[in-house]
Amino acid sequence: MASFTDEKDSLQPAVCMYGPANVRNLEPGKKMKWCTCGLSKTQPWCDGAHKGTGFKSLKWIVPSKPQSLYSICLCKHTKDPPFCDATHTNLPDTIEQLKKVCPIKDDHQTKCPKLCTKCGWVPDF
């Protein structure tokens, strides 16, 4: 589980992809908002989809030393946000287990219209 805020430690994000987004041409010093919930349609950046879930975006400033490629986390479990630290390589089994033992899994459809923050389940749209 990501540890970049105490609040997030109790929330499970949706895993939008088990791997990074390789992003090019970011402007050094530019302020960005990294999606922490996994629901954004503009991954890896926040589009406000987290509203009502308990998540908030992570404000990030592109480092002043330019890079040609940034590896940005999409599994949302990195310990070095927003950068990918390869946590995703061992994550699928953990996520599936969380979904199996989720205390509200039988009520996901009614209790979790966007995201179950206990296990990371999202409804099929």
N, C-alpha and C. Protein backbone atom coordinates (compact mmCIF):
# COMPACT_ATOMS: atom_id res chain seq x y z
N MET A 1 0.84 -1.18 0.00
CA MET A 1 0.00 0.00 0.00
C MET A 1 0.87 1.24 0.00
N ALA A 2 0.51 2.21 -0.75
CA ALA A 2 1.29 3.45 -0.80
C ALA A 2 1.27 4.14 0.55
N SER A 3 2.34 4.84 0.85
CA SER A 3 2.43 5.45 2.17
C SER A 3 2.68 6.94 2.11
N PHE A 4 2.21 7.61 1.04
CA PHE A 4 2.54 9.01 0.91
C PHE A 4 1.65 9.92 1.74
N THR A 5 0.52 9.44 2.28
CA THR A 5 -0.23 10.21 3.27
C THR A 5 -0.86 9.24 4.25
N ASP A 6 -1.04 9.68 5.47
CA ASP A 6 -1.70 8.83 6.46
C ASP A 6 -3.13 8.53 6.05
N GLU A 7 -3.81 9.52 5.46
CA GLU A 7 -5.19 9.32 5.04
C GLU A 7 -5.31 8.19 4.03
N LYS A 8 -4.40 8.13 3.07
CA LYS A 8 -4.50 7.15 2.01
C LYS A 8 -4.21 5.73 2.51
N ASP A 9 -3.46 5.59 3.60
CA ASP A 9 -3.13 4.26 4.09
C ASP A 9 -4.38 3.43 4.37
N SER A 10 -5.50 4.06 4.68
CA SER A 10 -6.71 3.30 4.98
C SER A 10 -7.60 3.13 3.74
N LEU A 11 -7.22 3.71 2.61
CA LEU A 11 -8.00 3.63 1.39
C LEU A 11 -7.31 2.78 0.35
N GLN A 12 -8.08 1.99 -0.36
CA GLN A 12 -7.54 1.18 -1.47
C GLN A 12 -7.93 1.83 -2.78
N PRO A 13 -6.96 2.21 -3.60
CA PRO A 13 -7.29 2.78 -4.90
C PRO A 13 -7.65 1.71 -5.92
N ALA A 14 -8.26 2.14 -6.99
CA ALA A 14 -8.46 1.25 -8.13
C ALA A 14 -7.14 1.15 -8.88
N VAL A 15 -6.82 -0.03 -9.32
CA VAL A 15 -5.60 -0.21 -10.13
C VAL A 15 -6.02 -0.06 -11.58
N CYS A 16 -5.60 1.04 -12.20
CA CYS A 16 -6.01 1.23 -13.60
C CYS A 16 -5.10 0.45 -14.54
N MET A 17 -3.86 0.17 -14.12
CA MET A 17 -2.95 -0.64 -14.93
C MET A 17 -1.80 -1.13 -14.05
N TYR A 18 -1.40 -2.35 -14.23
CA TYR A 18 -0.25 -2.91 -13.51
C TYR A 18 1.03 -2.57 -14.27
N GLY A 19 1.42 -1.34 -14.21
CA GLY A 19 2.61 -0.86 -14.89
C GLY A 19 2.61 0.66 -14.91
N PRO A 20 3.66 1.25 -15.45
CA PRO A 20 3.75 2.71 -15.46
C PRO A 20 3.21 3.32 -16.75
N ALA A 21 2.96 4.62 -16.66
CA ALA A 21 2.72 5.43 -17.85
C ALA A 21 4.07 6.08 -18.16
N ASN A 22 4.56 5.89 -19.36
CA ASN A 22 5.81 6.52 -19.76
C ASN A 22 5.45 7.83 -20.44
N VAL A 23 5.77 8.93 -19.74
CA VAL A 23 5.35 10.26 -20.17
C VAL A 23 6.56 11.05 -20.65
N ARG A 24 6.41 11.69 -21.77
CA ARG A 24 7.49 12.49 -22.35
C ARG A 24 7.14 13.97 -22.31
N ASN A 25 8.17 14.77 -22.45
CA ASN A 25 8.02 16.21 -22.67
C ASN A 25 7.25 16.95 -21.57
N LEU A 26 7.57 16.67 -20.32
CA LEU A 26 6.99 17.45 -19.23
C LEU A 26 7.85 18.68 -19.00
N GLU A 27 7.21 19.79 -18.80
CA GLU A 27 7.91 21.06 -18.62
C GLU A 27 8.47 21.17 -17.20
N PRO A 28 9.79 21.30 -17.05
CA PRO A 28 10.39 21.44 -15.72
C PRO A 28 9.74 22.60 -14.95
N GLY A 29 9.41 22.34 -13.69
CA GLY A 29 8.80 23.34 -12.83
C GLY A 29 7.29 23.42 -12.93
N LYS A 30 6.69 22.71 -13.89
CA LYS A 30 5.24 22.76 -14.06
C LYS A 30 4.55 22.01 -12.92
N LYS A 31 3.45 22.59 -12.43
CA LYS A 31 2.66 21.95 -11.38
C LYS A 31 1.70 20.95 -12.01
N MET A 32 1.70 19.73 -11.48
CA MET A 32 0.85 18.66 -11.99
C MET A 32 0.06 18.08 -10.81
N LYS A 33 -1.04 17.41 -11.12
CA LYS A 33 -1.81 16.70 -10.10
C LYS A 33 -1.88 15.24 -10.51
N TRP A 34 -1.21 14.38 -9.73
CA TRP A 34 -1.20 12.95 -10.01
C TRP A 34 -2.44 12.30 -9.41
N CYS A 35 -3.10 11.45 -10.17
CA CYS A 35 -4.29 10.73 -9.71
C CYS A 35 -3.87 9.69 -8.69
N THR A 36 -4.48 9.70 -7.52
CA THR A 36 -4.19 8.70 -6.49
C THR A 36 -5.28 7.64 -6.37
N CYS A 37 -6.47 7.91 -6.93
CA CYS A 37 -7.60 7.00 -6.76
C CYS A 37 -7.67 5.92 -7.84
N GLY A 38 -7.10 6.19 -9.01
CA GLY A 38 -7.14 5.24 -10.12
C GLY A 38 -8.35 5.39 -11.01
N LEU A 39 -9.23 6.36 -10.75
CA LEU A 39 -10.46 6.52 -11.52
C LEU A 39 -10.37 7.52 -12.66
N SER A 40 -9.35 8.35 -12.68
CA SER A 40 -9.24 9.41 -13.67
C SER A 40 -9.22 8.86 -15.10
N LYS A 41 -9.90 9.55 -15.98
CA LYS A 41 -9.89 9.19 -17.41
C LYS A 41 -8.69 9.82 -18.11
N THR A 42 -7.92 10.64 -17.39
CA THR A 42 -6.75 11.30 -17.97
C THR A 42 -5.47 10.80 -17.30
N GLN A 43 -5.40 9.51 -17.03
CA GLN A 43 -4.25 8.91 -16.34
C GLN A 43 -2.95 9.30 -17.02
N PRO A 44 -1.91 9.55 -16.25
CA PRO A 44 -1.80 9.39 -14.80
C PRO A 44 -2.23 10.63 -14.01
N TRP A 45 -2.81 11.61 -14.71
CA TRP A 45 -3.15 12.87 -14.06
C TRP A 45 -4.59 12.88 -13.57
N CYS A 46 -4.84 13.68 -12.58
CA CYS A 46 -6.15 13.78 -11.95
C CYS A 46 -7.12 14.56 -12.83
N ASP A 47 -8.37 14.07 -12.89
CA ASP A 47 -9.43 14.80 -13.57
C ASP A 47 -10.60 15.08 -12.63
N GLY A 48 -10.39 14.85 -11.33
CA GLY A 48 -11.43 15.11 -10.35
C GLY A 48 -12.37 13.94 -10.09
N ALA A 49 -12.13 12.80 -10.73
CA ALA A 49 -13.01 11.64 -10.57
C ALA A 49 -13.04 11.12 -9.13
N HIS A 50 -12.07 11.50 -8.32
CA HIS A 50 -12.00 11.02 -6.93
C HIS A 50 -13.06 11.63 -6.02
N LYS A 51 -13.72 12.68 -6.45
CA LYS A 51 -14.68 13.36 -5.58
C LYS A 51 -15.68 12.38 -5.00
N GLY A 52 -15.82 12.42 -3.68
CA GLY A 52 -16.74 11.55 -2.99
C GLY A 52 -16.15 10.21 -2.57
N THR A 53 -14.86 9.99 -2.83
CA THR A 53 -14.24 8.71 -2.48
C THR A 53 -13.32 8.78 -1.28
N GLY A 54 -12.94 9.97 -0.85
CA GLY A 54 -11.98 10.10 0.24
C GLY A 54 -10.56 10.31 -0.25
N PHE A 55 -10.33 10.15 -1.55
CA PHE A 55 -9.01 10.39 -2.14
C PHE A 55 -8.89 11.86 -2.53
N LYS A 56 -7.67 12.31 -2.68
CA LYS A 56 -7.39 13.62 -3.27
C LYS A 56 -6.15 13.47 -4.13
N SER A 57 -6.00 14.36 -5.06
CA SER A 57 -4.84 14.28 -5.96
C SER A 57 -3.56 14.61 -5.20
N LEU A 58 -2.45 14.17 -5.76
CA LEU A 58 -1.15 14.50 -5.20
C LEU A 58 -0.56 15.61 -6.06
N LYS A 59 -0.35 16.77 -5.44
CA LYS A 59 0.26 17.88 -6.16
C LYS A 59 1.74 17.60 -6.32
N TRP A 60 2.23 17.76 -7.53
CA TRP A 60 3.60 17.40 -7.87
C TRP A 60 4.17 18.45 -8.80
N ILE A 61 5.42 18.80 -8.60
CA ILE A 61 6.10 19.74 -9.49
C ILE A 61 7.15 18.96 -10.28
N VAL A 62 7.07 19.09 -11.60
CA VAL A 62 8.03 18.42 -12.47
C VAL A 62 9.44 18.89 -12.07
N PRO A 63 10.36 17.95 -11.82
CA PRO A 63 11.72 18.33 -11.40
C PRO A 63 12.37 19.32 -12.36
N SER A 64 13.21 20.17 -11.80
CA SER A 64 13.84 21.22 -12.60
C SER A 64 14.86 20.67 -13.60
N LYS A 65 15.41 19.50 -13.31
CA LYS A 65 16.33 18.88 -14.27
C LYS A 65 15.50 18.08 -15.28
N PRO A 66 15.48 18.52 -16.54
CA PRO A 66 14.63 17.86 -17.53
C PRO A 66 15.04 16.41 -17.79
N GLN A 67 14.04 15.59 -18.06
CA GLN A 67 14.25 14.20 -18.48
C GLN A 67 13.50 14.02 -19.79
N SER A 68 13.93 13.06 -20.58
CA SER A 68 13.19 12.80 -21.81
C SER A 68 12.01 11.87 -21.55
N LEU A 69 12.06 11.11 -20.46
CA LEU A 69 10.99 10.17 -20.15
C LEU A 69 10.79 10.07 -18.64
N TYR A 70 9.53 10.13 -18.22
CA TYR A 70 9.17 9.97 -16.81
C TYR A 70 8.30 8.72 -16.70
N SER A 71 8.63 7.84 -15.77
CA SER A 71 7.86 6.62 -15.55
C SER A 71 6.92 6.88 -14.37
N ILE A 72 5.65 7.15 -14.67
CA ILE A 72 4.67 7.56 -13.67
C ILE A 72 3.78 6.37 -13.30
N CYS A 73 3.60 6.15 -12.02
CA CYS A 73 2.85 5.00 -11.50
C CYS A 73 1.39 5.03 -11.93
N LEU A 74 0.89 3.87 -12.37
CA LEU A 74 -0.52 3.71 -12.69
C LEU A 74 -1.22 2.71 -11.77
N CYS A 75 -0.46 1.92 -11.00
CA CYS A 75 -1.10 0.98 -10.09
C CYS A 75 -1.55 1.69 -8.81
N LYS A 76 -1.01 2.87 -8.55
CA LYS A 76 -1.37 3.73 -7.42
C LYS A 76 -0.89 3.21 -6.07
N HIS A 77 0.03 2.27 -6.07
CA HIS A 77 0.56 1.71 -4.83
C HIS A 77 2.05 1.99 -4.63
N THR A 78 2.62 2.84 -5.46
CA THR A 78 4.04 3.16 -5.36
C THR A 78 4.40 3.75 -3.99
N LYS A 79 5.60 3.54 -3.58
CA LYS A 79 6.10 4.14 -2.34
C LYS A 79 6.92 5.39 -2.66
N ASP A 80 6.98 5.76 -3.95
CA ASP A 80 7.73 6.92 -4.41
C ASP A 80 6.88 7.74 -5.37
N PRO A 81 5.69 8.19 -4.92
CA PRO A 81 4.77 8.87 -5.84
C PRO A 81 5.33 10.18 -6.37
N PRO A 82 5.05 10.49 -7.61
CA PRO A 82 4.20 9.76 -8.54
C PRO A 82 4.96 8.75 -9.38
N PHE A 83 6.21 8.52 -9.06
CA PHE A 83 7.05 7.65 -9.89
C PHE A 83 6.78 6.17 -9.65
N CYS A 84 6.86 5.39 -10.70
CA CYS A 84 6.72 3.94 -10.61
C CYS A 84 7.95 3.37 -9.89
N ASP A 85 7.70 2.52 -8.90
CA ASP A 85 8.80 1.84 -8.20
C ASP A 85 8.69 0.32 -8.37
N ALA A 86 7.90 -0.12 -9.34
CA ALA A 86 7.69 -1.53 -9.68
C ALA A 86 6.90 -2.31 -8.64
N THR A 87 6.21 -1.62 -7.75
CA THR A 87 5.33 -2.30 -6.79
C THR A 87 4.30 -3.15 -7.52
N HIS A 88 3.91 -2.75 -8.71
CA HIS A 88 2.88 -3.46 -9.48
C HIS A 88 3.25 -4.90 -9.80
N THR A 89 4.53 -5.25 -9.77
CA THR A 89 4.94 -6.60 -10.17
C THR A 89 4.41 -7.67 -9.23
N ASN A 90 4.24 -7.35 -7.97
CA ASN A 90 3.73 -8.33 -7.00
C ASN A 90 2.33 -7.99 -6.50
N LEU A 91 1.66 -7.08 -7.15
CA LEU A 91 0.39 -6.57 -6.66
C LEU A 91 -0.87 -7.34 -7.06
N PRO A 92 -0.96 -7.96 -8.24
CA PRO A 92 -2.22 -8.57 -8.65
C PRO A 92 -2.81 -9.56 -7.65
N ASP A 93 -2.02 -10.45 -7.09
CA ASP A 93 -2.55 -11.42 -6.13
C ASP A 93 -3.07 -10.73 -4.87
N THR A 94 -2.37 -9.71 -4.42
CA THR A 94 -2.80 -8.96 -3.23
C THR A 94 -4.15 -8.30 -3.47
N ILE A 95 -4.30 -7.68 -4.62
CA ILE A 95 -5.55 -6.99 -4.94
C ILE A 95 -6.70 -7.98 -5.05
N GLU A 96 -6.48 -9.09 -5.72
CA GLU A 96 -7.54 -10.10 -5.84
C GLU A 96 -7.95 -10.65 -4.47
N GLN A 97 -6.98 -10.85 -3.59
CA GLN A 97 -7.29 -11.32 -2.24
C GLN A 97 -8.10 -10.28 -1.47
N LEU A 98 -7.73 -9.01 -1.59
CA LEU A 98 -8.49 -7.94 -0.93
C LEU A 98 -9.94 -7.95 -1.40
N LYS A 99 -10.16 -8.15 -2.68
CA LYS A 99 -11.52 -8.17 -3.22
C LYS A 99 -12.30 -9.38 -2.72
N LYS A 100 -11.62 -10.51 -2.56
CA LYS A 100 -12.29 -11.73 -2.07
C LYS A 100 -12.75 -11.59 -0.63
N VAL A 101 -11.96 -10.90 0.20
CA VAL A 101 -12.27 -10.80 1.63
C VAL A 101 -12.91 -9.46 2.01
N CYS A 102 -13.24 -8.65 1.03
CA CYS A 102 -13.83 -7.35 1.31
C CYS A 102 -15.11 -7.52 2.13
N PRO A 103 -15.23 -6.81 3.26
CA PRO A 103 -16.40 -6.97 4.12
C PRO A 103 -17.71 -6.51 3.48
N ILE A 104 -17.66 -5.73 2.42
CA ILE A 104 -18.90 -5.29 1.77
C ILE A 104 -19.01 -5.78 0.32
N LYS A 105 -18.28 -6.84 -0.01
CA LYS A 105 -18.27 -7.29 -1.42
C LYS A 105 -19.66 -7.65 -1.95
N ASP A 106 -20.55 -8.13 -1.09
CA ASP A 106 -21.88 -8.48 -1.56
C ASP A 106 -22.76 -7.25 -1.81
N ASP A 107 -22.34 -6.10 -1.30
CA ASP A 107 -23.09 -4.86 -1.48
C ASP A 107 -22.35 -3.83 -2.34
N HIS A 108 -21.32 -4.27 -3.06
CA HIS A 108 -20.55 -3.33 -3.86
C HIS A 108 -21.44 -2.48 -4.77
N GLN A 109 -22.38 -3.10 -5.45
CA GLN A 109 -23.21 -2.38 -6.42
C GLN A 109 -23.98 -1.23 -5.77
N THR A 110 -24.46 -1.41 -4.55
CA THR A 110 -25.25 -0.36 -3.90
C THR A 110 -24.43 0.58 -3.04
N LYS A 111 -23.39 0.08 -2.41
CA LYS A 111 -22.61 0.91 -1.48
C LYS A 111 -21.43 1.61 -2.13
N CYS A 112 -21.05 1.17 -3.31
CA CYS A 112 -19.84 1.71 -3.94
C CYS A 112 -20.12 2.12 -5.38
N PRO A 113 -20.80 3.24 -5.60
CA PRO A 113 -21.14 3.62 -6.97
C PRO A 113 -19.92 3.94 -7.85
N LYS A 114 -18.81 4.38 -7.21
CA LYS A 114 -17.61 4.73 -7.97
C LYS A 114 -16.45 3.79 -7.70
N LEU A 115 -16.23 3.49 -6.41
CA LEU A 115 -15.03 2.78 -5.98
C LEU A 115 -15.23 2.26 -4.57
N CYS A 116 -14.88 1.00 -4.34
CA CYS A 116 -14.83 0.47 -2.97
C CYS A 116 -13.45 0.78 -2.43
N THR A 117 -13.38 1.66 -1.46
CA THR A 117 -12.09 2.06 -0.91
C THR A 117 -11.55 1.05 0.09
N LYS A 118 -12.29 -0.03 0.31
CA LYS A 118 -11.79 -1.11 1.18
C LYS A 118 -11.00 -2.15 0.39
N CYS A 119 -11.32 -2.29 -0.93
CA CYS A 119 -10.64 -3.31 -1.72
C CYS A 119 -10.21 -2.86 -3.10
N GLY A 120 -10.64 -1.69 -3.55
CA GLY A 120 -10.27 -1.19 -4.88
C GLY A 120 -11.20 -1.61 -6.01
N TRP A 121 -12.33 -2.25 -5.66
CA TRP A 121 -13.30 -2.66 -6.68
C TRP A 121 -13.94 -1.44 -7.33
N VAL A 122 -14.11 -1.51 -8.65
CA VAL A 122 -14.86 -0.47 -9.36
C VAL A 122 -15.96 -1.15 -10.18
N PRO A 123 -17.10 -0.50 -10.31
CA PRO A 123 -18.19 -1.12 -11.08
C PRO A 123 -17.85 -1.13 -12.57
N ASP A 124 -18.43 -2.07 -13.28
CA ASP A 124 -18.29 -2.10 -14.74
C ASP A 124 -19.29 -1.11 -15.31
N PHE A 125 -18.81 -0.23 -16.15
CA PHE A 125 -19.71 0.76 -16.75
C PHE A 125 -20.04 0.36 -18.14
